[in-house]
Amino acid sequence: MGNRKPNTASTLAAFIVLCVTSLVLFTVYVKEGDSGPLHTVQLGAAEVLRPVRGLFGFATSPLSAASERVEGVLDASEVKELEEKALEYEEGAAEAARLRQENERLRALLDGEQASFKYSPLAQVVAPVGGQLTRRVVINVGANDGVEPEQPVVVGNRTLVGRTTERVTPNTAEVLLINDQNFAAGVRIVPPLDLEDEPDEDSTPAPDLEGDSHGEGLLRTNWEGYLGVDYVDLSAEAEQGDFVVTSGRAGERELLFPPGLLVGTIESVNSQDISQYKNIVATPAVKIDDLQEVRVILDR
């Protein structure tokens, strides 16, 4: 059975009939009132198709919600990526600051070396020792590095922090700190160095080791935990802000610590008529509880 070719004339006639019918219906729809038959048919069709429209909206709503969630996820991932990058930058800055501080400490230790002293290798403080009434630490250098008992332990620019005890092993040594009640050292009190130029705000005054002494005495920590200088004569000129340094000698006798090692500064000076000595409280030049690296003076 062959294919039928479309009849052009009949198709054109059907199109003209549909156009005329549409025009007539549109004219009637415009001229009739809201209660006309065509309006009634339109409302009925709308009611019939309402569930279909609701079903279509319900079917497309998950797609809209999913699209919003995907968009939100993308935004959150971008925010998380930015936060991770910011955290990396902060960690890098903190590490750089830590390395800078460590470099400054090491440079200060090296700058503090004196040509007349022989030092041990740079030592790390590895552990505290003792209880409430003792202030001692263990360092990671020992007999193999030339360390012996009764040797000065320093940091920075000739700053005394303690001495080695009898407990020296091949690779470790115990250090008795200056704020231990069993520590003692002969010291003298010297004024700050007079500078010709005005010092900067950030500069720290230095002790005048060549100037006149403001008194001599014995450095030790009392039972109340205060570091002080005992046996300083009432006539001594010691005052707040003066420096406490090792004396190095007692008459003709050479003491354990070489002269000129900085111990601290005077915090307060009191005099009482019933005592023949001044009551002097000193502050250590460094925070003893924060020690990290030290050196032992092996010889001088």
Protein backbone atom coordinates (compact mmCIF):
# COMPACT_ATOMS: atom_id res chain seq x y z
CA MET A 1 0.00 0.00 0.00
CA GLY A 2 1.64 3.24 -1.14
CA ASN A 3 2.18 6.42 0.84
CA ARG A 4 -0.43 9.08 0.44
CA LYS A 5 0.77 12.54 -0.52
CA PRO A 6 -0.81 15.29 1.54
CA ASN A 7 -3.57 17.17 -0.14
CA THR A 8 -2.43 20.79 -0.17
CA ALA A 9 -5.86 22.19 -0.89
CA SER A 10 -7.53 20.32 1.99
CA THR A 11 -4.77 21.34 4.42
CA LEU A 12 -5.12 24.98 3.46
CA ALA A 13 -8.88 24.81 3.84
CA ALA A 14 -8.59 23.26 7.33
CA PHE A 15 -6.14 25.99 8.37
CA ILE A 16 -8.54 28.74 7.18
CA VAL A 17 -11.44 27.11 9.10
CA LEU A 18 -9.35 26.98 12.32
CA CYS A 19 -8.33 30.61 11.96
CA VAL A 20 -11.93 31.74 11.41
CA THR A 21 -13.13 29.62 14.36
CA SER A 22 -10.44 31.05 16.62
CA LEU A 23 -11.34 34.59 15.61
CA VAL A 24 -15.02 33.97 16.27
CA LEU A 25 -14.35 32.42 19.69
CA PHE A 26 -12.02 35.25 20.66
CA THR A 27 -14.65 37.84 19.63
CA VAL A 28 -17.36 36.07 21.63
CA TYR A 29 -14.99 35.68 24.63
CA VAL A 30 -14.23 39.41 24.68
CA LYS A 31 -17.81 40.53 24.29
CA GLU A 32 -19.41 38.09 26.79
CA GLY A 33 -19.41 38.75 30.52
CA ASP A 34 -17.54 36.85 33.24
CA SER A 35 -20.45 34.41 33.45
CA GLY A 36 -20.41 33.62 29.76
CA PRO A 37 -20.08 30.05 28.52
CA LEU A 38 -16.48 30.43 27.36
CA HIS A 39 -15.38 31.83 30.75
CA THR A 40 -17.14 28.95 32.46
CA VAL A 41 -15.27 26.43 30.28
CA GLN A 42 -11.95 28.21 31.03
CA LEU A 43 -12.49 28.03 34.82
CA GLY A 44 -13.47 24.39 34.61
CA ALA A 45 -10.33 23.56 32.65
CA ALA A 46 -8.21 25.45 35.19
CA GLU A 47 -9.70 23.41 38.08
CA VAL A 48 -9.11 20.17 36.18
CA LEU A 49 -5.47 21.04 35.42
CA ARG A 50 -4.63 22.44 38.95
CA PRO A 51 -3.51 19.04 40.39
CA VAL A 52 -1.32 18.56 37.34
CA ARG A 53 0.35 21.93 37.93
CA GLY A 54 0.80 21.12 41.64
CA LEU A 55 2.31 17.74 40.80
CA PHE A 56 4.68 19.38 38.34
CA GLY A 57 5.73 21.97 40.94
CA PHE A 58 6.24 19.23 43.57
CA ALA A 59 8.34 17.26 41.10
CA THR A 60 10.55 20.25 40.26
CA SER A 61 10.96 21.55 43.88
CA PRO A 62 13.60 18.92 44.87
CA LEU A 63 15.60 19.95 41.85
CA SER A 64 15.50 23.59 42.99
CA ALA A 65 16.43 22.62 46.55
CA ALA A 66 19.22 20.38 45.34
CA SER A 67 20.52 23.20 43.17
CA GLU A 68 20.57 25.54 46.19
CA ARG A 69 22.37 22.91 48.29
CA VAL A 70 24.99 22.33 45.61
CA GLU A 71 25.51 26.08 45.33
CA GLY A 72 25.85 26.29 49.15
CA VAL A 73 28.35 23.40 49.20
CA LEU A 74 30.48 25.12 46.61
CA ASP A 75 30.47 28.33 48.63
CA ALA A 76 31.38 26.47 51.84
CA SER A 77 34.27 24.67 50.12
CA GLU A 78 35.63 27.96 48.89
CA VAL A 79 35.40 29.45 52.38
CA LYS A 80 37.10 26.38 53.87
CA GLU A 81 39.91 26.64 51.34
CA LEU A 82 40.46 30.29 52.24
CA GLU A 83 40.45 29.47 55.95
CA GLU A 84 43.03 26.71 55.42
CA LYS A 85 45.27 29.08 53.50
CA ALA A 86 44.95 31.71 56.26
CA LEU A 87 45.83 29.08 58.87
CA GLU A 88 48.91 28.08 56.87
CA TYR A 89 50.02 31.71 56.73
CA GLU A 90 49.51 32.11 60.51
CA GLU A 91 51.48 28.95 61.25
CA GLY A 92 54.27 30.10 58.98
CA ALA A 93 54.41 33.49 60.70
CA ALA A 94 54.49 31.84 64.15
CA GLU A 95 57.31 29.51 63.07
CA ALA A 96 59.27 32.45 61.67
CA ALA A 97 58.84 34.35 64.95
CA ARG A 98 60.00 31.31 66.95
CA LEU A 99 63.08 30.87 64.77
CA ARG A 100 63.87 34.57 65.07
CA GLN A 101 63.68 34.42 68.88
CA GLU A 102 65.83 31.29 68.96
CA ASN A 103 68.37 32.95 66.68
CA GLU A 104 68.50 36.00 68.96
CA ARG A 105 69.09 33.79 72.02
CA LEU A 106 71.87 31.86 70.31
CA ARG A 107 73.48 35.04 69.01
CA ALA A 108 73.38 36.54 72.52
CA LEU A 109 75.07 33.44 73.90
CA LEU A 110 77.81 33.60 71.30
CA ASP A 111 78.28 37.35 71.73
CA GLY A 112 78.65 36.77 75.47
CA GLU A 113 81.80 34.70 75.07
CA GLN A 114 84.91 36.26 76.54
CA ALA A 115 88.34 35.71 75.09
CA SER A 116 89.73 34.96 78.54
CA PHE A 117 87.23 32.14 79.18
CA LYS A 118 87.11 28.61 77.85
CA TYR A 119 83.52 27.45 77.37
CA SER A 120 81.76 24.13 77.05
CA PRO A 121 79.58 23.47 73.99
CA LEU A 122 76.19 25.13 74.06
CA ALA A 123 74.07 23.08 76.48
CA GLN A 124 70.33 22.51 76.59
CA VAL A 125 68.39 22.45 79.84
CA VAL A 126 66.76 19.02 79.73
CA ALA A 127 65.06 18.59 83.11
CA PRO A 128 64.44 20.24 86.48
CA VAL A 129 65.68 18.54 89.64
CA GLY A 130 64.50 18.64 93.23
CA GLY A 131 61.45 19.93 95.06
CA GLN A 132 60.10 23.18 96.49
CA LEU A 133 63.25 24.08 98.45
CA THR A 134 65.72 23.34 95.64
CA ARG A 135 66.33 25.01 92.30
CA ARG A 136 68.44 22.75 90.09
CA VAL A 137 68.42 21.60 86.48
CA VAL A 138 70.17 19.00 84.37
CA ILE A 139 72.01 20.03 81.20
CA ASN A 140 73.13 17.82 78.31
CA VAL A 141 76.89 18.35 78.56
CA GLY A 142 79.18 16.49 80.94
CA ALA A 143 82.63 15.13 81.62
CA ASN A 144 83.16 14.23 77.97
CA ASP A 145 82.86 17.97 77.20
CA GLY A 146 85.28 19.01 79.94
CA VAL A 147 82.65 19.81 82.57
CA GLU A 148 83.67 19.35 86.21
CA PRO A 149 82.04 20.12 89.57
CA GLU A 150 82.08 23.69 90.90
CA GLN A 151 82.21 25.46 87.53
CA PRO A 152 80.25 28.66 86.71
CA VAL A 153 77.24 28.37 84.40
CA VAL A 154 76.33 31.46 82.36
CA VAL A 155 74.03 32.76 79.63
CA GLY A 156 74.05 35.87 77.48
CA ASN A 157 76.64 38.55 78.08
CA ARG A 158 78.47 37.03 81.08
CA THR A 159 75.28 36.53 83.10
CA LEU A 160 75.70 34.06 85.96
CA VAL A 161 72.84 31.60 86.49
CA GLY A 162 74.42 28.88 88.64
CA ARG A 163 77.26 26.41 89.08
CA THR A 164 77.78 22.72 88.45
CA THR A 165 77.47 20.28 91.36
CA GLU A 166 79.22 16.99 92.13
CA ARG A 167 76.68 15.16 89.96
CA VAL A 168 78.51 15.16 86.65
CA THR A 169 78.22 12.20 84.27
CA PRO A 170 79.94 11.71 80.91
CA ASN A 171 77.06 13.39 79.06
CA THR A 172 75.10 15.38 81.67
CA ALA A 173 75.67 17.71 84.59
CA GLU A 174 73.53 19.05 87.41
CA VAL A 175 73.41 22.83 87.86
CA LEU A 176 72.68 24.55 91.18
CA LEU A 177 70.84 27.76 90.24
CA ILE A 178 71.43 31.14 91.87
CA ASN A 179 67.95 31.14 93.44
CA ASP A 180 68.60 27.88 95.29
CA GLN A 181 68.98 28.38 99.05
CA ASN A 182 72.29 26.49 98.99
CA PHE A 183 73.84 28.81 96.40
CA ALA A 184 76.24 31.54 97.53
CA ALA A 185 78.65 33.87 95.76
CA GLY A 186 80.84 36.78 96.71
CA VAL A 187 79.55 39.89 94.96
CA ARG A 188 80.00 43.62 94.80
CA ILE A 189 77.51 46.34 93.97
CA VAL A 190 78.30 48.73 91.12
CA PRO A 191 76.34 51.67 89.66
CA PRO A 192 75.09 51.79 86.06
CA LEU A 193 77.60 52.94 83.49
CA ASP A 194 77.39 56.67 82.78
CA LEU A 195 76.85 57.14 79.04
CA GLU A 196 78.00 60.30 77.26
CA ASP A 197 75.05 60.12 74.86
CA GLU A 198 71.44 59.70 75.85
CA PRO A 199 70.55 55.99 75.70
CA ASP A 200 67.76 54.76 73.44
CA GLU A 201 64.44 53.82 74.98
CA ASP A 202 65.06 50.15 74.19
CA SER A 203 68.65 50.08 75.45
CA THR A 204 69.55 48.49 78.78
CA PRO A 205 72.10 50.23 81.05
CA ALA A 206 75.32 48.32 81.64
CA PRO A 207 77.16 47.93 84.96
CA ASP A 208 80.14 50.20 85.49
CA LEU A 209 82.70 47.51 86.29
CA GLU A 210 85.52 50.05 86.42
CA GLY A 211 83.70 52.53 88.67
CA ASP A 212 83.63 52.80 92.43
CA SER A 213 81.97 49.94 94.31
CA HIS A 214 78.78 50.69 96.21
CA GLY A 215 79.38 47.83 98.60
CA GLU A 216 80.34 44.18 98.80
CA GLY A 217 78.54 41.21 100.28
CA LEU A 218 77.35 37.63 99.88
CA LEU A 219 74.69 36.71 97.34
CA ARG A 220 72.17 34.09 98.47
CA THR A 221 68.46 33.31 98.63
CA ASN A 222 66.75 33.51 102.03
CA TRP A 223 64.09 31.15 103.37
CA GLU A 224 61.36 33.46 102.10
CA GLY A 225 62.54 32.94 98.55
CA TYR A 226 64.05 36.41 97.99
CA LEU A 227 67.42 36.77 96.28
CA GLY A 228 69.47 39.23 98.26
CA VAL A 229 72.91 40.51 99.16
CA ASP A 230 73.88 39.96 102.79
CA TYR A 231 76.59 41.59 104.89
CA VAL A 232 76.59 44.92 103.05
CA ASP A 233 77.79 47.60 105.44
CA LEU A 234 75.40 50.37 106.46
CA SER A 235 77.82 52.96 105.14
CA ALA A 236 77.71 51.48 101.61
CA GLU A 237 76.11 53.61 98.90
CA ALA A 238 74.04 50.76 97.48
CA GLU A 239 70.73 51.92 96.03
CA GLN A 240 67.87 50.70 93.86
CA GLY A 241 68.92 50.13 90.25
CA ASP A 242 72.54 49.29 91.03
CA PHE A 243 74.00 46.12 89.53
CA VAL A 244 75.14 43.03 91.41
CA VAL A 245 78.25 41.37 89.90
CA THR A 246 80.64 38.70 91.09
CA SER A 247 83.64 40.07 92.97
CA GLY A 248 86.05 37.27 92.01
CA ARG A 249 88.26 37.72 95.05
CA ALA A 250 88.00 37.94 98.82
CA GLY A 251 91.13 39.69 99.96
CA GLU A 252 94.02 37.72 98.49
CA ARG A 253 91.90 34.63 97.91
CA GLU A 254 90.48 33.90 94.48
CA LEU A 255 86.84 32.83 94.59
CA LEU A 256 84.99 30.25 92.54
CA PHE A 257 83.39 32.76 90.16
CA PRO A 258 85.47 35.10 88.00
CA PRO A 259 84.97 38.83 88.58
CA GLY A 260 82.44 40.83 86.61
CA LEU A 261 79.77 38.19 85.97
CA LEU A 262 76.37 39.89 86.08
CA VAL A 263 73.92 38.46 88.59
CA GLY A 264 71.08 40.99 88.75
CA THR A 265 69.93 44.41 89.85
CA ILE A 266 68.96 45.79 93.24
CA GLU A 267 65.21 46.01 93.72
CA SER A 268 65.12 47.55 97.20
CA VAL A 269 67.48 48.71 99.95
CA ASN A 270 66.45 49.11 103.61
CA SER A 271 68.47 50.10 106.66
CA GLN A 272 67.58 49.47 110.28
CA ASP A 273 69.34 50.92 113.30
CA ILE A 274 69.27 47.61 115.12
CA SER A 275 71.24 45.93 112.30
CA GLN A 276 74.77 46.61 111.17
CA TYR A 277 74.03 45.59 107.60
CA LYS A 278 71.70 46.80 104.86
CA ASN A 279 68.72 44.67 103.86
CA ILE A 280 69.04 44.32 100.10
CA VAL A 281 66.70 42.46 97.72
CA ALA A 282 67.91 41.76 94.17
CA THR A 283 66.22 40.66 90.95
CA PRO A 284 68.04 38.10 88.72
CA ALA A 285 69.22 39.44 85.36
CA VAL A 286 67.40 36.59 83.56
CA LYS A 287 64.27 34.60 84.33
CA ILE A 288 65.78 31.54 85.94
CA ASP A 289 62.68 29.41 85.41
CA ASP A 290 62.79 30.06 81.64
CA LEU A 291 66.35 28.88 80.98
CA GLN A 292 66.80 26.95 77.72
CA GLU A 293 70.47 27.20 76.68
CA VAL A 294 73.51 27.75 78.90
CA ARG A 295 77.30 27.47 78.80
CA VAL A 296 79.73 26.21 81.41
CA ILE A 297 82.95 28.18 81.97
CA LEU A 298 85.56 25.44 81.92
CA ASP A 299 88.63 27.57 82.54
CA ARG A 300 89.81 31.16 82.78
